[in-house]
Amino acid sequence: MNSHPHGEHFFRRVLRATLPLLIWIVQFAFGYGLATAQCTPVGLRPGGPDRLLIAGVSLAAFVACALLAWHACTVLRRHGRGAGLLDRAAFLVALLSLVAIAWGAVPLLLVSGCA
């Protein structure tokens, strides 16, 4: 059975374009999940959510998406006008994820306690 030559790397190419969104989803779920867990009556933590841990995870996610954006930018520069839709989408999704990570982390880092 012969496989289609373009279908061999389909999932790898789709992952390259969606990996920044997956990183953002994990960062968002971790940050807000941790804040929720630490602010429940059973898990009440004096001083509110662990902002240092949330900041560390958010910074790691931001750096990972920045590296993916840089890689996508180099791919776009290398291909020039011949860059495909997936190459352009990978770059734009990485930029969008950078904004989403910053936008989602700032409120968590500004919370000083559980109310």
N, C-alpha and C. Protein backbone atom coordinates (compact mmCIF):
# COMPACT_ATOMS: atom_id res chain seq x y z
N MET A 1 0.84 -1.17 0.00
CA MET A 1 0.00 0.00 0.00
C MET A 1 0.89 1.24 0.00
N ASN A 2 0.75 2.05 -1.00
CA ASN A 2 1.53 3.27 -1.10
C ASN A 2 0.81 4.41 -0.38
N SER A 3 1.60 5.16 0.36
CA SER A 3 0.99 6.31 1.02
C SER A 3 1.16 7.54 0.14
N HIS A 4 0.29 8.47 0.33
CA HIS A 4 0.34 9.72 -0.42
C HIS A 4 1.56 10.50 0.04
N PRO A 5 2.39 11.00 -0.88
CA PRO A 5 3.62 11.66 -0.46
C PRO A 5 3.39 12.92 0.38
N HIS A 6 2.29 13.60 0.18
CA HIS A 6 2.03 14.81 0.95
C HIS A 6 1.43 14.50 2.31
N GLY A 7 0.87 13.31 2.48
CA GLY A 7 0.22 12.95 3.73
C GLY A 7 1.15 12.42 4.79
N GLU A 8 2.41 12.15 4.42
CA GLU A 8 3.35 11.56 5.36
C GLU A 8 3.67 12.50 6.52
N HIS A 9 3.78 13.74 6.26
CA HIS A 9 4.18 14.69 7.30
C HIS A 9 3.02 15.59 7.73
N PHE A 10 1.82 15.15 7.48
CA PHE A 10 0.66 15.98 7.77
C PHE A 10 0.59 16.37 9.25
N PHE A 11 0.66 15.39 10.14
CA PHE A 11 0.52 15.68 11.56
C PHE A 11 1.70 16.48 12.09
N ARG A 12 2.87 16.25 11.58
CA ARG A 12 4.04 17.03 11.98
C ARG A 12 3.87 18.49 11.57
N ARG A 13 3.36 18.71 10.38
CA ARG A 13 3.15 20.08 9.91
C ARG A 13 2.03 20.77 10.67
N VAL A 14 0.97 20.05 10.97
CA VAL A 14 -0.13 20.63 11.74
C VAL A 14 0.34 20.94 13.16
N LEU A 15 1.13 20.07 13.74
CA LEU A 15 1.66 20.32 15.08
C LEU A 15 2.57 21.54 15.10
N ARG A 16 3.34 21.73 14.05
CA ARG A 16 4.21 22.91 13.97
C ARG A 16 3.40 24.20 13.99
N ALA A 17 2.23 24.17 13.39
CA ALA A 17 1.38 25.37 13.34
C ALA A 17 0.55 25.54 14.60
N THR A 18 0.25 24.44 15.31
CA THR A 18 -0.64 24.55 16.47
C THR A 18 0.08 24.41 17.80
N LEU A 19 1.36 24.10 17.81
CA LEU A 19 2.09 23.93 19.06
C LEU A 19 2.04 25.17 19.95
N PRO A 20 2.17 26.39 19.42
CA PRO A 20 2.04 27.56 20.31
C PRO A 20 0.68 27.64 21.01
N LEU A 21 -0.38 27.25 20.32
CA LEU A 21 -1.70 27.25 20.96
C LEU A 21 -1.78 26.20 22.05
N LEU A 22 -1.16 25.06 21.83
CA LEU A 22 -1.15 24.02 22.86
C LEU A 22 -0.37 24.48 24.08
N ILE A 23 0.73 25.18 23.87
CA ILE A 23 1.52 25.72 24.98
C ILE A 23 0.69 26.73 25.75
N TRP A 24 -0.02 27.60 25.05
CA TRP A 24 -0.86 28.58 25.71
C TRP A 24 -1.97 27.90 26.52
N ILE A 25 -2.59 26.88 25.96
CA ILE A 25 -3.67 26.17 26.66
C ILE A 25 -3.15 25.57 27.97
N VAL A 26 -1.98 24.96 27.93
CA VAL A 26 -1.40 24.36 29.13
C VAL A 26 -1.08 25.45 30.16
N GLN A 27 -0.50 26.56 29.71
CA GLN A 27 -0.16 27.65 30.63
C GLN A 27 -1.43 28.23 31.24
N PHE A 28 -2.45 28.44 30.44
CA PHE A 28 -3.72 29.00 30.92
C PHE A 28 -4.37 28.07 31.93
N ALA A 29 -4.48 26.79 31.60
CA ALA A 29 -5.12 25.82 32.48
C ALA A 29 -4.33 25.66 33.78
N PHE A 30 -3.01 25.65 33.68
CA PHE A 30 -2.19 25.52 34.89
C PHE A 30 -2.36 26.74 35.79
N GLY A 31 -2.23 27.93 35.23
CA GLY A 31 -2.30 29.15 36.04
C GLY A 31 -3.64 29.33 36.72
N TYR A 32 -4.71 29.24 35.96
CA TYR A 32 -6.03 29.44 36.54
C TYR A 32 -6.46 28.24 37.38
N GLY A 33 -6.02 27.05 37.02
CA GLY A 33 -6.31 25.87 37.86
C GLY A 33 -5.61 25.96 39.20
N LEU A 34 -4.36 26.39 39.21
CA LEU A 34 -3.62 26.54 40.46
C LEU A 34 -4.24 27.64 41.32
N ALA A 35 -4.58 28.76 40.71
CA ALA A 35 -5.20 29.85 41.46
C ALA A 35 -6.54 29.41 42.05
N THR A 36 -7.31 28.67 41.30
CA THR A 36 -8.59 28.18 41.80
C THR A 36 -8.39 27.18 42.92
N ALA A 37 -7.47 26.26 42.74
CA ALA A 37 -7.23 25.24 43.76
C ALA A 37 -6.70 25.86 45.05
N GLN A 38 -5.87 26.87 44.95
CA GLN A 38 -5.30 27.47 46.15
C GLN A 38 -6.25 28.46 46.81
N CYS A 39 -7.30 28.86 46.14
CA CYS A 39 -8.25 29.81 46.72
C CYS A 39 -9.55 29.14 47.17
N THR A 40 -9.63 27.83 47.11
CA THR A 40 -10.82 27.15 47.63
C THR A 40 -10.70 27.08 49.15
N PRO A 41 -11.81 26.90 49.85
CA PRO A 41 -11.74 26.84 51.31
C PRO A 41 -10.82 25.71 51.82
N VAL A 42 -10.79 24.59 51.14
CA VAL A 42 -9.93 23.48 51.56
C VAL A 42 -8.47 23.78 51.27
N GLY A 43 -8.20 24.39 50.14
CA GLY A 43 -6.82 24.65 49.75
C GLY A 43 -6.38 26.08 49.97
N LEU A 44 -7.09 26.81 50.83
CA LEU A 44 -6.78 28.22 51.03
C LEU A 44 -5.32 28.39 51.44
N ARG A 45 -4.66 29.22 50.72
CA ARG A 45 -3.24 29.48 50.96
C ARG A 45 -3.12 30.93 51.39
N PRO A 46 -2.47 31.19 52.51
CA PRO A 46 -2.31 32.58 52.93
C PRO A 46 -1.55 33.38 51.88
N GLY A 47 -2.05 34.54 51.55
CA GLY A 47 -1.38 35.39 50.57
C GLY A 47 -1.85 35.18 49.15
N GLY A 48 -2.79 34.28 48.95
CA GLY A 48 -3.31 34.07 47.61
C GLY A 48 -2.53 33.02 46.83
N PRO A 49 -2.79 32.96 45.54
CA PRO A 49 -2.12 31.96 44.70
C PRO A 49 -0.61 32.17 44.67
N ASP A 50 0.10 31.10 44.42
CA ASP A 50 1.56 31.15 44.35
C ASP A 50 1.97 31.89 43.07
N ARG A 51 2.19 33.17 43.20
CA ARG A 51 2.48 34.00 42.03
C ARG A 51 3.85 33.68 41.42
N LEU A 52 4.79 33.25 42.24
CA LEU A 52 6.12 32.92 41.72
C LEU A 52 6.05 31.70 40.80
N LEU A 53 5.30 30.70 41.21
CA LEU A 53 5.14 29.51 40.37
C LEU A 53 4.40 29.84 39.08
N ILE A 54 3.34 30.63 39.19
CA ILE A 54 2.59 31.04 38.00
C ILE A 54 3.47 31.86 37.07
N ALA A 55 4.27 32.76 37.64
CA ALA A 55 5.17 33.58 36.81
C ALA A 55 6.21 32.71 36.11
N GLY A 56 6.74 31.71 36.80
CA GLY A 56 7.74 30.83 36.19
C GLY A 56 7.17 30.03 35.03
N VAL A 57 5.99 29.46 35.23
CA VAL A 57 5.36 28.69 34.15
C VAL A 57 4.99 29.60 32.99
N SER A 58 4.49 30.79 33.30
CA SER A 58 4.12 31.73 32.23
C SER A 58 5.34 32.20 31.46
N LEU A 59 6.44 32.44 32.16
CA LEU A 59 7.68 32.85 31.49
C LEU A 59 8.22 31.73 30.60
N ALA A 60 8.17 30.50 31.09
CA ALA A 60 8.63 29.37 30.27
C ALA A 60 7.76 29.21 29.02
N ALA A 61 6.46 29.36 29.17
CA ALA A 61 5.55 29.27 28.02
C ALA A 61 5.82 30.41 27.04
N PHE A 62 6.05 31.62 27.57
CA PHE A 62 6.32 32.77 26.72
C PHE A 62 7.61 32.58 25.93
N VAL A 63 8.65 32.09 26.59
CA VAL A 63 9.93 31.86 25.91
C VAL A 63 9.78 30.77 24.84
N ALA A 64 9.04 29.70 25.17
CA ALA A 64 8.84 28.63 24.19
C ALA A 64 8.11 29.15 22.95
N CYS A 65 7.08 29.95 23.15
CA CYS A 65 6.34 30.51 22.01
C CYS A 65 7.17 31.54 21.26
N ALA A 66 8.01 32.28 21.97
CA ALA A 66 8.90 33.24 21.30
C ALA A 66 9.90 32.50 20.41
N LEU A 67 10.42 31.38 20.89
CA LEU A 67 11.33 30.58 20.06
C LEU A 67 10.62 30.01 18.84
N LEU A 68 9.39 29.56 19.02
CA LEU A 68 8.62 29.05 17.88
C LEU A 68 8.31 30.17 16.89
N ALA A 69 8.03 31.37 17.39
CA ALA A 69 7.79 32.51 16.50
C ALA A 69 9.06 32.87 15.74
N TRP A 70 10.19 32.84 16.43
CA TRP A 70 11.47 33.13 15.78
C TRP A 70 11.76 32.10 14.69
N HIS A 71 11.52 30.83 14.99
CA HIS A 71 11.74 29.78 13.99
C HIS A 71 10.82 29.97 12.79
N ALA A 72 9.55 30.28 13.04
CA ALA A 72 8.60 30.51 11.95
C ALA A 72 9.00 31.72 11.12
N CYS A 73 9.53 32.75 11.77
CA CYS A 73 9.99 33.94 11.06
C CYS A 73 11.17 33.62 10.15
N THR A 74 12.09 32.79 10.63
CA THR A 74 13.23 32.42 9.78
C THR A 74 12.77 31.58 8.59
N VAL A 75 11.76 30.75 8.80
CA VAL A 75 11.21 29.97 7.68
C VAL A 75 10.58 30.90 6.66
N LEU A 76 9.85 31.90 7.13
CA LEU A 76 9.23 32.86 6.21
C LEU A 76 10.29 33.64 5.44
N ARG A 77 11.35 34.05 6.11
CA ARG A 77 12.42 34.80 5.42
C ARG A 77 13.14 33.92 4.40
N ARG A 78 13.33 32.66 4.75
CA ARG A 78 14.05 31.77 3.85
C ARG A 78 13.23 31.50 2.58
N HIS A 79 11.92 31.34 2.72
CA HIS A 79 11.09 31.04 1.56
C HIS A 79 10.60 32.30 0.83
N GLY A 80 10.61 33.42 1.51
CA GLY A 80 10.19 34.67 0.88
C GLY A 80 8.74 34.61 0.44
N ARG A 81 8.50 35.05 -0.78
CA ARG A 81 7.13 35.05 -1.31
C ARG A 81 6.63 33.65 -1.58
N GLY A 82 7.51 32.67 -1.59
CA GLY A 82 7.11 31.29 -1.84
C GLY A 82 6.63 30.56 -0.59
N ALA A 83 6.57 31.28 0.54
CA ALA A 83 6.11 30.65 1.78
C ALA A 83 4.65 30.27 1.64
N GLY A 84 4.31 29.12 2.17
CA GLY A 84 2.95 28.63 2.07
C GLY A 84 2.07 29.15 3.19
N LEU A 85 0.81 28.81 3.11
CA LEU A 85 -0.17 29.23 4.10
C LEU A 85 0.19 28.69 5.48
N LEU A 86 0.65 27.46 5.55
CA LEU A 86 1.01 26.86 6.83
C LEU A 86 2.17 27.60 7.48
N ASP A 87 3.14 28.04 6.69
CA ASP A 87 4.27 28.80 7.22
C ASP A 87 3.80 30.13 7.79
N ARG A 88 2.94 30.79 7.07
CA ARG A 88 2.41 32.08 7.56
C ARG A 88 1.53 31.88 8.79
N ALA A 89 0.73 30.83 8.78
CA ALA A 89 -0.15 30.55 9.92
C ALA A 89 0.66 30.21 11.16
N ALA A 90 1.75 29.46 11.00
CA ALA A 90 2.60 29.12 12.14
C ALA A 90 3.16 30.37 12.79
N PHE A 91 3.57 31.33 11.99
CA PHE A 91 4.11 32.59 12.53
C PHE A 91 3.03 33.39 13.24
N LEU A 92 1.88 33.53 12.60
CA LEU A 92 0.80 34.32 13.20
C LEU A 92 0.24 33.67 14.46
N VAL A 93 0.14 32.35 14.47
CA VAL A 93 -0.35 31.65 15.66
C VAL A 93 0.65 31.80 16.81
N ALA A 94 1.94 31.77 16.50
CA ALA A 94 2.94 31.97 17.55
C ALA A 94 2.85 33.37 18.13
N LEU A 95 2.65 34.37 17.29
CA LEU A 95 2.49 35.74 17.79
C LEU A 95 1.23 35.87 18.62
N LEU A 96 0.14 35.30 18.15
CA LEU A 96 -1.11 35.33 18.89
C LEU A 96 -0.96 34.65 20.25
N SER A 97 -0.24 33.57 20.29
CA SER A 97 -0.02 32.86 21.55
C SER A 97 0.81 33.68 22.52
N LEU A 98 1.78 34.42 22.01
CA LEU A 98 2.56 35.31 22.88
C LEU A 98 1.66 36.34 23.55
N VAL A 99 0.78 36.93 22.77
CA VAL A 99 -0.15 37.91 23.33
C VAL A 99 -1.10 37.24 24.32
N ALA A 100 -1.60 36.06 24.00
CA ALA A 100 -2.54 35.36 24.87
C ALA A 100 -1.89 34.97 26.19
N ILE A 101 -0.64 34.54 26.16
CA ILE A 101 0.06 34.17 27.38
C ILE A 101 0.23 35.39 28.28
N ALA A 102 0.66 36.49 27.70
CA ALA A 102 0.83 37.71 28.49
C ALA A 102 -0.51 38.20 29.03
N TRP A 103 -1.53 38.17 28.20
CA TRP A 103 -2.86 38.65 28.57
C TRP A 103 -3.45 37.79 29.69
N GLY A 104 -3.21 36.51 29.66
CA GLY A 104 -3.75 35.62 30.69
C GLY A 104 -2.95 35.60 31.97
N ALA A 105 -1.66 35.88 31.89
CA ALA A 105 -0.81 35.81 33.07
C ALA A 105 -0.88 37.08 33.92
N VAL A 106 -1.08 38.22 33.31
CA VAL A 106 -1.07 39.49 34.06
C VAL A 106 -2.12 39.52 35.17
N PRO A 107 -3.38 39.14 34.94
CA PRO A 107 -4.34 39.17 36.04
C PRO A 107 -3.96 38.22 37.19
N LEU A 108 -3.41 37.07 36.84
CA LEU A 108 -3.00 36.13 37.89
C LEU A 108 -1.85 36.69 38.73
N LEU A 109 -0.96 37.40 38.09
CA LEU A 109 0.19 37.95 38.80
C LEU A 109 -0.19 39.18 39.63
N LEU A 110 -1.28 39.83 39.28
CA LEU A 110 -1.71 41.00 40.03
C LEU A 110 -2.59 40.67 41.23
N VAL A 111 -3.10 39.44 41.30
CA VAL A 111 -3.95 39.04 42.42
C VAL A 111 -3.09 38.91 43.66
N SER A 112 -3.45 39.65 44.69
CA SER A 112 -2.63 39.61 45.90
C SER A 112 -3.21 38.69 46.95
N GLY A 113 -4.44 38.27 46.81
CA GLY A 113 -5.03 37.37 47.79
C GLY A 113 -6.33 36.79 47.29
N CYS A 114 -6.84 35.86 48.04
CA CYS A 114 -8.11 35.23 47.69
C CYS A 114 -9.23 35.99 48.39
N ALA A 115 -10.24 36.36 47.67
CA ALA A 115 -11.36 37.09 48.28
C ALA A 115 -12.61 36.26 48.28
